[in-house]
Amino acid sequence: MTDTLTADAPSADKPVALTARAARQVALILKGEEQGTFLRVSVQGGGCSGFQYGFTLDTSRNDDDLVLERDGATVLVDAVSVEYLAGSEIDYVDDLIGASFKIANPNATSSCGCGTSFSV
């Protein structure tokens, strides 16, 4: 079953949140892609802390994906990754160091300096 959420803040029924800034950036990225393309956020083994976040464009929506929709943007999270991301907020930052998606993950016990890998 696919869960579709309008994400404002993580909660029991909305396990992952998508900020307005992140939604605007996702919509901007997807605007240049073919219809039916989504941003997929995942957790993969690897990275300097044990796990790393993955951001890819995908045209396949799985039945067990968590679907986050906000301001015209659609983000997919696979069922296994949702377990590692529960309570997280996906944001987009543009600062002196650079522009990127950032995940504030309360499950991470440590992370690398760049914020792309973490351990639980």
Protein backbone atom coordinates (compact mmCIF):
# COMPACT_ATOMS: atom_id res chain seq x y z
CA MET A 1 0.00 0.00 0.00
CA THR A 2 1.37 3.44 -0.91
CA ASP A 3 1.19 6.12 1.78
CA THR A 4 0.85 9.68 0.48
CA LEU A 5 1.55 12.46 2.95
CA THR A 6 1.61 16.21 2.88
CA ALA A 7 4.67 16.56 5.05
CA ASP A 8 5.05 19.48 7.45
CA ALA A 9 6.81 17.84 10.42
CA PRO A 10 7.64 14.25 11.32
CA SER A 11 5.03 12.53 13.47
CA ALA A 12 3.74 9.02 14.15
CA ASP A 13 1.59 9.09 11.01
CA LYS A 14 4.12 11.17 9.03
CA PRO A 15 7.47 9.51 9.73
CA VAL A 16 9.55 11.76 7.45
CA ALA A 17 9.08 15.48 6.78
CA LEU A 18 9.95 17.52 3.71
CA THR A 19 10.60 21.22 4.29
CA ALA A 20 9.21 23.89 1.98
CA ARG A 21 12.78 24.71 0.82
CA ALA A 22 13.43 21.08 -0.06
CA ALA A 23 10.09 20.81 -1.86
CA ARG A 24 10.88 23.90 -3.96
CA GLN A 25 14.27 22.46 -4.95
CA VAL A 26 12.81 19.04 -5.77
CA ALA A 27 10.12 20.68 -7.93
CA LEU A 28 12.79 22.73 -9.71
CA ILE A 29 14.87 19.61 -10.41
CA LEU A 30 11.89 17.58 -11.58
CA LYS A 31 10.69 20.39 -13.84
CA GLY A 32 13.50 19.51 -16.25
CA GLU A 33 12.75 15.78 -16.19
CA GLU A 34 10.17 13.68 -18.02
CA GLN A 35 6.67 13.36 -16.55
CA GLY A 36 6.48 10.68 -13.86
CA THR A 37 9.99 11.25 -12.46
CA PHE A 38 10.40 11.41 -8.69
CA LEU A 39 13.23 12.10 -6.28
CA ARG A 40 14.04 8.94 -4.33
CA VAL A 41 15.72 9.27 -0.93
CA SER A 42 17.30 6.12 0.45
CA VAL A 43 19.66 4.81 3.09
CA GLN A 44 22.46 2.57 1.85
CA GLY A 45 25.29 0.73 3.54
CA GLY A 46 28.64 2.46 3.23
CA GLY A 47 30.12 5.87 3.83
CA CYS A 48 32.61 6.70 6.52
CA SER A 49 30.08 6.23 9.34
CA GLY A 50 28.37 3.00 8.23
CA PHE A 51 25.31 4.25 6.32
CA GLN A 52 24.89 6.95 3.73
CA TYR A 53 21.99 8.87 2.24
CA GLY A 54 21.20 8.39 -1.41
CA PHE A 55 19.38 10.87 -3.66
CA THR A 56 18.42 9.61 -7.11
CA LEU A 57 15.84 10.32 -9.79
CA ASP A 58 13.46 7.42 -10.32
CA THR A 59 10.50 6.71 -12.59
CA SER A 60 9.29 3.67 -10.61
CA ARG A 61 6.94 4.03 -7.68
CA ASN A 62 6.74 0.86 -5.57
CA ASP A 63 3.62 -0.18 -3.66
CA ASP A 64 5.44 -0.02 -0.32
CA ASP A 65 7.11 3.37 -0.91
CA LEU A 66 6.42 6.22 1.45
CA VAL A 67 5.30 9.07 -0.82
CA LEU A 68 5.90 12.61 0.39
CA GLU A 69 4.11 15.35 -1.54
CA ARG A 70 4.47 19.05 -0.91
CA ASP A 71 4.13 22.13 -3.11
CA GLY A 72 4.15 20.14 -6.35
CA ALA A 73 7.15 17.99 -5.40
CA THR A 74 7.06 14.23 -4.90
CA VAL A 75 9.70 12.35 -2.92
CA LEU A 76 9.76 8.57 -2.54
CA VAL A 77 11.32 6.64 0.34
CA ASP A 78 11.55 2.85 0.22
CA ALA A 79 10.13 0.85 3.14
CA VAL A 80 13.53 -0.24 4.51
CA SER A 81 14.93 3.31 4.44
CA VAL A 82 11.87 4.66 6.26
CA GLU A 83 12.95 2.64 9.31
CA TYR A 84 16.30 4.48 9.40
CA LEU A 85 14.72 7.86 8.57
CA ALA A 86 11.78 7.77 11.01
CA GLY A 87 11.42 11.21 12.58
CA SER A 88 13.76 12.84 10.06
CA GLU A 89 13.38 16.10 8.21
CA ILE A 90 14.65 16.50 4.65
CA ASP A 91 15.80 20.07 3.99
CA TYR A 92 17.71 21.93 1.31
CA VAL A 93 20.45 24.35 2.30
CA ASP A 94 22.38 26.84 0.20
CA ASP A 95 25.25 28.38 2.14
CA LEU A 96 28.92 29.29 1.73
CA ILE A 97 29.98 25.64 1.84
CA GLY A 98 27.59 24.73 -0.98
CA ALA A 99 24.04 23.77 -1.80
CA SER A 100 22.68 20.32 -0.96
CA PHE A 101 19.88 18.31 0.54
CA LYS A 102 20.42 17.73 4.26
CA ILE A 103 18.69 15.23 6.50
CA ALA A 104 18.21 15.95 10.20
CA ASN A 105 17.99 12.37 11.48
CA PRO A 106 17.23 11.82 15.19
CA ASN A 107 18.23 8.15 14.82
CA ALA A 108 21.84 8.97 13.91
CA THR A 109 24.20 8.50 16.84
CA SER A 110 27.11 9.97 14.87
CA SER A 111 27.75 11.35 11.42
CA CYS A 112 30.63 12.41 9.24
CA GLY A 113 31.65 16.03 8.85
CA CYS A 114 29.91 16.47 5.51
CA GLY A 115 26.63 15.01 6.82
CA THR A 116 26.14 12.43 4.08
CA SER A 117 26.90 9.37 6.21
CA PHE A 118 25.80 8.32 9.68
CA SER A 119 25.66 5.48 12.17
CA VAL A 120 22.79 4.27 14.34
